[in-house]
Amino acid sequence: MANKKLDYLISDKYEKELLDIDYILEQLEKERVSELNGAKTDGSLSLYAKKLREEIVSLLCKIQTGEDEYNNECSLIN
């Protein structure tokens, strides 16, 4: 596999996706988890884990394929 340098900054091209991941992590850091604080308005730990996994897989697929939209045919981890 040949190493190829990207001609863009991942942090620029995928800023929205990285901000979505950061938001989920912030909620966990602030303990905004319904099992911890009892608030029904906060997400459950399993929901945050699922969302985080989906966001990471989507981002990796976008980087892998070079496409701006998530491609269901991307064969990265699910």
PDB file of N, CA and C in Angstrom:
ATOM      1  N   MET A   1       0.843  -1.178   0.000  1.00  0.00           N
ATOM      2  CA  MET A   1       0.000   0.000   0.000  1.00  0.00           C
ATOM      3  C   MET A   1       0.885   1.236   0.000  1.00  0.00           C
ATOM      4  N   ALA A   2       0.704   2.068  -0.976  1.00  0.00           N
ATOM      5  CA  ALA A   2       1.514   3.276  -1.090  1.00  0.00           C
ATOM      6  C   ALA A   2       0.973   4.361  -0.168  1.00  0.00           C
ATOM      7  N   ASN A   3       1.881   5.018   0.522  1.00  0.00           N
ATOM      8  CA  ASN A   3       1.484   6.143   1.355  1.00  0.00           C
ATOM      9  C   ASN A   3       1.341   7.368   0.474  1.00  0.00           C
ATOM     10  N   LYS A   4       0.204   8.033   0.600  1.00  0.00           N
ATOM     11  CA  LYS A   4      -0.064   9.201  -0.216  1.00  0.00           C
ATOM     12  C   LYS A   4      -0.492  10.332   0.707  1.00  0.00           C
ATOM     13  N   LYS A   5       0.174  11.457   0.607  1.00  0.00           N
ATOM     14  CA  LYS A   5      -0.156  12.603   1.445  1.00  0.00           C
ATOM     15  C   LYS A   5      -1.419  13.267   0.920  1.00  0.00           C
ATOM     16  N   LEU A   6      -2.307  13.595   1.827  1.00  0.00           N
ATOM     17  CA  LEU A   6      -3.539  14.273   1.443  1.00  0.00           C
ATOM     18  C   LEU A   6      -3.230  15.711   1.048  1.00  0.00           C
ATOM     19  N   ASP A   7      -3.974  16.230   0.096  1.00  0.00           N
ATOM     20  CA  ASP A   7      -3.760  17.606  -0.345  1.00  0.00           C
ATOM     21  C   ASP A   7      -4.693  18.586   0.374  1.00  0.00           C
ATOM     22  N   TYR A   8      -5.204  18.166   1.517  1.00  0.00           N
ATOM     23  CA  TYR A   8      -6.072  19.010   2.334  1.00  0.00           C
ATOM     24  C   TYR A   8      -5.871  18.643   3.800  1.00  0.00           C
ATOM     25  N   LEU A   9      -6.329  19.509   4.685  1.00  0.00           N
ATOM     26  CA  LEU A   9      -6.292  19.220   6.116  1.00  0.00           C
ATOM     27  C   LEU A   9      -7.595  18.527   6.502  1.00  0.00           C
ATOM     28  N   ILE A  10      -7.484  17.385   7.128  1.00  0.00           N
ATOM     29  CA  ILE A  10      -8.672  16.661   7.567  1.00  0.00           C
ATOM     30  C   ILE A  10      -9.509  17.543   8.486  1.00  0.00           C
ATOM     31  N   SER A  11      -8.854  18.308   9.346  1.00  0.00           N
ATOM     32  CA  SER A  11      -9.577  19.160  10.289  1.00  0.00           C
ATOM     33  C   SER A  11     -10.380  20.251   9.590  1.00  0.00           C
ATOM     34  N   ASP A  12      -9.970  20.652   8.396  1.00  0.00           N
ATOM     35  CA  ASP A  12     -10.729  21.644   7.629  1.00  0.00           C
ATOM     36  C   ASP A  12     -11.856  20.991   6.836  1.00  0.00           C
ATOM     37  N   LYS A  13     -11.528  19.968   6.093  1.00  0.00           N
ATOM     38  CA  LYS A  13     -12.510  19.331   5.210  1.00  0.00           C
ATOM     39  C   LYS A  13     -13.632  18.657   5.993  1.00  0.00           C
ATOM     40  N   TYR A  14     -13.299  18.089   7.136  1.00  0.00           N
ATOM     41  CA  TYR A  14     -14.286  17.339   7.910  1.00  0.00           C
ATOM     42  C   TYR A  14     -14.573  18.014   9.251  1.00  0.00           C
ATOM     43  N   GLU A  15     -14.589  19.329   9.240  1.00  0.00           N
ATOM     44  CA  GLU A  15     -14.805  20.099  10.469  1.00  0.00           C
ATOM     45  C   GLU A  15     -16.137  19.745  11.131  1.00  0.00           C
ATOM     46  N   LYS A  16     -17.213  19.659  10.364  1.00  0.00           N
ATOM     47  CA  LYS A  16     -18.529  19.355  10.931  1.00  0.00           C
ATOM     48  C   LYS A  16     -18.530  17.992  11.618  1.00  0.00           C
ATOM     49  N   GLU A  17     -17.961  16.994  10.955  1.00  0.00           N
ATOM     50  CA  GLU A  17     -17.933  15.650  11.515  1.00  0.00           C
ATOM     51  C   GLU A  17     -17.125  15.611  12.811  1.00  0.00           C
ATOM     52  N   LEU A  18     -15.998  16.315  12.819  1.00  0.00           N
ATOM     53  CA  LEU A  18     -15.161  16.357  14.022  1.00  0.00           C
ATOM     54  C   LEU A  18     -15.862  17.102  15.152  1.00  0.00           C
ATOM     55  N   LEU A  19     -16.613  18.149  14.815  1.00  0.00           N
ATOM     56  CA  LEU A  19     -17.379  18.874  15.832  1.00  0.00           C
ATOM     57  C   LEU A  19     -18.491  17.993  16.407  1.00  0.00           C
ATOM     58  N   ASP A  20     -19.119  17.176  15.571  1.00  0.00           N
ATOM     59  CA  ASP A  20     -20.152  16.249  16.058  1.00  0.00           C
ATOM     60  C   ASP A  20     -19.561  15.251  17.052  1.00  0.00           C
ATOM     61  N   ILE A  21     -18.398  14.723  16.737  1.00  0.00           N
ATOM     62  CA  ILE A  21     -17.716  13.783  17.637  1.00  0.00           C
ATOM     63  C   ILE A  21     -17.324  14.497  18.928  1.00  0.00           C
ATOM     64  N   ASP A  22     -16.801  15.711  18.804  1.00  0.00           N
ATOM     65  CA  ASP A  22     -16.407  16.489  19.975  1.00  0.00           C
ATOM     66  C   ASP A  22     -17.606  16.768  20.879  1.00  0.00           C
ATOM     67  N   TYR A  23     -18.760  17.057  20.288  1.00  0.00           N
ATOM     68  CA  TYR A  23     -19.970  17.324  21.071  1.00  0.00           C
ATOM     69  C   TYR A  23     -20.349  16.104  21.916  1.00  0.00           C
ATOM     70  N   ILE A  24     -20.311  14.935  21.312  1.00  0.00           N
ATOM     71  CA  ILE A  24     -20.647  13.711  22.048  1.00  0.00           C
ATOM     72  C   ILE A  24     -19.676  13.512  23.205  1.00  0.00           C
ATOM     73  N   LEU A  25     -18.392  13.708  22.943  1.00  0.00           N
ATOM     74  CA  LEU A  25     -17.385  13.552  24.001  1.00  0.00           C
ATOM     75  C   LEU A  25     -17.568  14.592  25.105  1.00  0.00           C
ATOM     76  N   GLU A  26     -17.931  15.821  24.739  1.00  0.00           N
ATOM     77  CA  GLU A  26     -18.192  16.867  25.747  1.00  0.00           C
ATOM     78  C   GLU A  26     -19.338  16.464  26.664  1.00  0.00           C
ATOM     79  N   GLN A  27     -20.405  15.916  26.081  1.00  0.00           N
ATOM     80  CA  GLN A  27     -21.550  15.495  26.888  1.00  0.00           C
ATOM     81  C   GLN A  27     -21.142  14.414  27.883  1.00  0.00           C
ATOM     82  N   LEU A  28     -20.287  13.513  27.444  1.00  0.00           N
ATOM     83  CA  LEU A  28     -19.800  12.466  28.344  1.00  0.00           C
ATOM     84  C   LEU A  28     -18.913  13.055  29.435  1.00  0.00           C
ATOM     85  N   GLU A  29     -18.046  13.995  29.069  1.00  0.00           N
ATOM     86  CA  GLU A  29     -17.178  14.648  30.062  1.00  0.00           C
ATOM     87  C   GLU A  29     -17.991  15.382  31.115  1.00  0.00           C
ATOM     88  N   LYS A  30     -19.089  15.988  30.698  1.00  0.00           N
ATOM     89  CA  LYS A  30     -19.946  16.744  31.620  1.00  0.00           C
ATOM     90  C   LYS A  30     -20.918  15.834  32.367  1.00  0.00           C
ATOM     91  N   GLU A  31     -20.771  14.521  32.147  1.00  0.00           N
ATOM     92  CA  GLU A  31     -21.632  13.518  32.773  1.00  0.00           C
ATOM     93  C   GLU A  31     -23.101  13.746  32.442  1.00  0.00           C
ATOM     94  N   ARG A  32     -23.368  14.202  31.205  1.00  0.00           N
ATOM     95  CA  ARG A  32     -24.739  14.399  30.727  1.00  0.00           C
ATOM     96  C   ARG A  32     -25.264  13.061  30.216  1.00  0.00           C
ATOM     97  N   VAL A  33     -25.349  12.125  31.129  1.00  0.00           N
ATOM     98  CA  VAL A  33     -25.780  10.765  30.824  1.00  0.00           C
ATOM     99  C   VAL A  33     -26.946  10.440  31.752  1.00  0.00           C
ATOM    100  N   SER A  34     -28.046  10.000  31.178  1.00  0.00           N
ATOM    101  CA  SER A  34     -29.259   9.791  31.975  1.00  0.00           C
ATOM    102  C   SER A  34     -29.061   8.795  33.117  1.00  0.00           C
ATOM    103  N   GLU A  35     -28.212   7.786  32.918  1.00  0.00           N
ATOM    104  CA  GLU A  35     -27.976   6.814  33.993  1.00  0.00           C
ATOM    105  C   GLU A  35     -27.236   7.437  35.178  1.00  0.00           C
ATOM    106  N   LEU A  36     -26.493   8.516  34.932  1.00  0.00           N
ATOM    107  CA  LEU A  36     -25.731   9.155  36.011  1.00  0.00           C
ATOM    108  C   LEU A  36     -26.515  10.256  36.710  1.00  0.00           C
ATOM    109  N   ASN A  37     -27.267  11.050  35.931  1.00  0.00           N
ATOM    110  CA  ASN A  37     -27.921  12.207  36.537  1.00  0.00           C
ATOM    111  C   ASN A  37     -29.440  12.095  36.608  1.00  0.00           C
ATOM    112  N   GLY A  38     -29.992  11.045  36.038  1.00  0.00           N
ATOM    113  CA  GLY A  38     -31.433  10.827  36.109  1.00  0.00           C
ATOM    114  C   GLY A  38     -32.264  11.707  35.193  1.00  0.00           C
ATOM    115  N   ALA A  39     -31.636  12.592  34.441  1.00  0.00           N
ATOM    116  CA  ALA A  39     -32.370  13.498  33.549  1.00  0.00           C
ATOM    117  C   ALA A  39     -32.785  12.764  32.281  1.00  0.00           C
ATOM    118  N   LYS A  40     -34.077  12.768  32.012  1.00  0.00           N
ATOM    119  CA  LYS A  40     -34.592  12.090  30.815  1.00  0.00           C
ATOM    120  C   LYS A  40     -34.194  12.831  29.538  1.00  0.00           C
ATOM    121  N   THR A  41     -33.817  14.101  29.663  1.00  0.00           N
ATOM    122  CA  THR A  41     -33.434  14.885  28.483  1.00  0.00           C
ATOM    123  C   THR A  41     -32.034  14.543  27.993  1.00  0.00           C
ATOM    124  N   ASP A  42     -31.233  13.914  28.838  1.00  0.00           N
ATOM    125  CA  ASP A  42     -29.882  13.521  28.445  1.00  0.00           C
ATOM    126  C   ASP A  42     -29.910  12.124  27.839  1.00  0.00           C
ATOM    127  N   GLY A  43     -28.949  11.849  26.984  1.00  0.00           N
ATOM    128  CA  GLY A  43     -28.873  10.538  26.339  1.00  0.00           C
ATOM    129  C   GLY A  43     -28.329   9.475  27.277  1.00  0.00           C
ATOM    130  N   SER A  44     -28.598   8.244  26.915  1.00  0.00           N
ATOM    131  CA  SER A  44     -28.058   7.126  27.689  1.00  0.00           C
ATOM    132  C   SER A  44     -26.622   6.864  27.248  1.00  0.00           C
ATOM    133  N   LEU A  45     -25.890   6.167  28.080  1.00  0.00           N
ATOM    134  CA  LEU A  45     -24.505   5.833  27.756  1.00  0.00           C
ATOM    135  C   LEU A  45     -24.442   4.998  26.478  1.00  0.00           C
ATOM    136  N   SER A  46     -25.353   4.052  26.339  1.00  0.00           N
ATOM    137  CA  SER A  46     -25.352   3.215  25.134  1.00  0.00           C
ATOM    138  C   SER A  46     -25.682   4.026  23.886  1.00  0.00           C
ATOM    139  N   LEU A  47     -26.554   5.026  24.006  1.00  0.00           N
ATOM    140  CA  LEU A  47     -26.874   5.887  22.860  1.00  0.00           C
ATOM    141  C   LEU A  47     -25.652   6.695  22.443  1.00  0.00           C
ATOM    142  N   TYR A  48     -24.945   7.267  23.417  1.00  0.00           N
ATOM    143  CA  TYR A  48     -23.735   8.031  23.095  1.00  0.00           C
ATOM    144  C   TYR A  48     -22.678   7.137  22.451  1.00  0.00           C
ATOM    145  N   ALA A  49     -22.532   5.914  22.950  1.00  0.00           N
ATOM    146  CA  ALA A  49     -21.555   4.982  22.367  1.00  0.00           C
ATOM    147  C   ALA A  49     -21.932   4.658  20.925  1.00  0.00           C
ATOM    148  N   LYS A  50     -23.209   4.414  20.679  1.00  0.00           N
ATOM    149  CA  LYS A  50     -23.681   4.104  19.323  1.00  0.00           C
ATOM    150  C   LYS A  50     -23.451   5.290  18.391  1.00  0.00           C
ATOM    151  N   LYS A  51     -23.821   6.498  18.846  1.00  0.00           N
ATOM    152  CA  LYS A  51     -23.634   7.698  18.022  1.00  0.00           C
ATOM    153  C   LYS A  51     -22.159   7.931  17.722  1.00  0.00           C
ATOM    154  N   LEU A  52     -21.323   7.760  18.721  1.00  0.00           N
ATOM    155  CA  LEU A  52     -19.889   7.963  18.546  1.00  0.00           C
ATOM    156  C   LEU A  52     -19.327   6.970  17.534  1.00  0.00           C
ATOM    157  N   ARG A  53     -19.700   5.716  17.650  1.00  0.00           N
ATOM    158  CA  ARG A  53     -19.254   4.695  16.699  1.00  0.00           C
ATOM    159  C   ARG A  53     -19.701   5.055  15.283  1.00  0.00           C
ATOM    160  N   GLU A  54     -20.965   5.453  15.116  1.00  0.00           N
ATOM    161  CA  GLU A  54     -21.492   5.817  13.793  1.00  0.00           C
ATOM    162  C   GLU A  54     -20.746   7.009  13.204  1.00  0.00           C
ATOM    163  N   GLU A  55     -20.481   8.017  14.027  1.00  0.00           N
ATOM    164  CA  GLU A  55     -19.781   9.215  13.555  1.00  0.00           C
ATOM    165  C   GLU A  55     -18.356   8.883  13.115  1.00  0.00           C
ATOM    166  N   ILE A  56     -17.674   8.058  13.889  1.00  0.00           N
ATOM    167  CA  ILE A  56     -16.289   7.697  13.555  1.00  0.00           C
ATOM    168  C   ILE A  56     -16.241   6.870  12.273  1.00  0.00           C
ATOM    169  N   VAL A  57     -17.124   5.879  12.147  1.00  0.00           N
ATOM    170  CA  VAL A  57     -17.155   5.054  10.936  1.00  0.00           C
ATOM    171  C   VAL A  57     -17.484   5.913   9.724  1.00  0.00           C
ATOM    172  N   SER A  58     -18.459   6.797   9.862  1.00  0.00           N
ATOM    173  CA  SER A  58     -18.829   7.682   8.756  1.00  0.00           C
ATOM    174  C   SER A  58     -17.658   8.559   8.340  1.00  0.00           C
ATOM    175  N   LEU A  59     -16.967   9.137   9.311  1.00  0.00           N
ATOM    176  CA  LEU A  59     -15.818   9.994   9.014  1.00  0.00           C
ATOM    177  C   LEU A  59     -14.712   9.206   8.322  1.00  0.00           C
ATOM    178  N   LEU A  60     -14.390   8.033   8.839  1.00  0.00           N
ATOM    179  CA  LEU A  60     -13.341   7.218   8.225  1.00  0.00           C
ATOM    180  C   LEU A  60     -13.704   6.819   6.797  1.00  0.00           C
ATOM    181  N   CYS A  61     -14.968   6.501   6.565  1.00  0.00           N
ATOM    182  CA  CYS A  61     -15.406   6.151   5.205  1.00  0.00           C
ATOM    183  C   CYS A  61     -15.280   7.345   4.265  1.00  0.00           C
ATOM    184  N   LYS A  62     -15.651   8.520   4.743  1.00  0.00           N
ATOM    185  CA  LYS A  62     -15.534   9.723   3.912  1.00  0.00           C
ATOM    186  C   LYS A  62     -14.076   9.992   3.562  1.00  0.00           C
ATOM    187  N   ILE A  63     -13.192   9.828   4.533  1.00  0.00           N
ATOM    188  CA  ILE A  63     -11.762  10.038   4.276  1.00  0.00           C
ATOM    189  C   ILE A  63     -11.248   8.973   3.312  1.00  0.00           C
ATOM    190  N   GLN A  64     -11.629   7.715   3.545  1.00  0.00           N
ATOM    191  CA  GLN A  64     -11.171   6.603   2.716  1.00  0.00           C
ATOM    192  C   GLN A  64     -11.588   6.763   1.261  1.00  0.00           C
ATOM    193  N   THR A  65     -12.845   7.144   1.039  1.00  0.00           N
ATOM    194  CA  THR A  65     -13.374   7.228  -0.320  1.00  0.00           C
ATOM    195  C   THR A  65     -13.165   8.591  -0.958  1.00  0.00           C
ATOM    196  N   GLY A  66     -12.869   9.603  -0.139  1.00  0.00           N
ATOM    197  CA  GLY A  66     -12.712  10.957  -0.661  1.00  0.00           C
ATOM    198  C   GLY A  66     -14.029  11.624  -0.996  1.00  0.00           C
ATOM    199  N   GLU A  67     -15.134  10.999  -0.598  1.00  0.00           N
ATOM    200  CA  GLU A  67     -16.454  11.550  -0.880  1.00  0.00           C
ATOM    201  C   GLU A  67     -16.954  12.351   0.311  1.00  0.00           C
ATOM    202  N   ASP A  68     -17.836  13.317   0.030  1.00  0.00           N
ATOM    203  CA  ASP A  68     -18.382  14.157   1.089  1.00  0.00           C
ATOM    204  C   ASP A  68     -19.574  13.520   1.797  1.00  0.00           C
ATOM    205  N   GLU A  69     -20.159  12.528   1.175  1.00  0.00           N
ATOM    206  CA  GLU A  69     -21.310  11.843   1.764  1.00  0.00           C
ATOM    207  C   GLU A  69     -20.897  10.449   2.210  1.00  0.00           C
ATOM    208  N   TYR A  70     -21.538   9.976   3.275  1.00  0.00           N
ATOM    209  CA  TYR A  70     -21.275   8.622   3.761  1.00  0.00           C
ATOM    210  C   TYR A  70     -21.777   7.624   2.736  1.00  0.00           C
ATOM    211  N   ASN A  71     -20.966   6.655   2.414  1.00  0.00           N
ATOM    212  CA  ASN A  71     -21.302   5.637   1.427  1.00  0.00           C
ATOM    213  C   ASN A  71     -21.538   4.322   2.153  1.00  0.00           C
ATOM    214  N   ASN A  72     -22.753   3.802   2.076  1.00  0.00           N
ATOM    215  CA  ASN A  72     -23.087   2.544   2.763  1.00  0.00           C
ATOM    216  C   ASN A  72     -22.252   1.372   2.282  1.00  0.00           C
ATOM    217  N   GLU A  73     -21.649   1.495   1.118  1.00  0.00           N
ATOM    218  CA  GLU A  73     -20.847   0.408   0.574  1.00  0.00           C
ATOM    219  C   GLU A  73     -19.422   0.414   1.120  1.00  0.00           C
ATOM    220  N   CYS A  74     -19.092   1.400   1.900  1.00  0.00           N
ATOM    221  CA  CYS A  74     -17.760   1.484   2.495  1.00  0.00           C
ATOM    222  C   CYS A  74     -17.573   0.270   3.402  1.00  0.00           C
ATOM    223  N   SER A  75     -16.464  -0.413   3.254  1.00  0.00           N
ATOM    224  CA  SER A  75     -16.273  -1.674   3.977  1.00  0.00           C
ATOM    225  C   SER A  75     -15.396  -1.535   5.218  1.00  0.00           C
ATOM    226  N   LEU A  76     -15.420  -0.368   5.840  1.00  0.00           N
ATOM    227  CA  LEU A  76     -14.687  -0.210   7.097  1.00  0.00           C
ATOM    228  C   LEU A  76     -15.487  -0.853   8.217  1.00  0.00           C
ATOM    229  N   ILE A  77     -14.913  -0.844   9.413  1.00  0.00           N
ATOM    230  CA  ILE A  77     -15.568  -1.444  10.567  1.00  0.00           C
ATOM    231  C   ILE A  77     -16.991  -0.940  10.749  1.00  0.00           C
ATOM    232  N   ASN A  78     -17.867  -1.834  11.158  1.00  0.00           N
ATOM    233  CA  ASN A  78     -19.264  -1.477  11.450  1.00  0.00           C
ATOM    234  C   ASN A  78     -19.591  -1.835  12.869  1.00  0.00           C
TER     235      ASN A  78
END
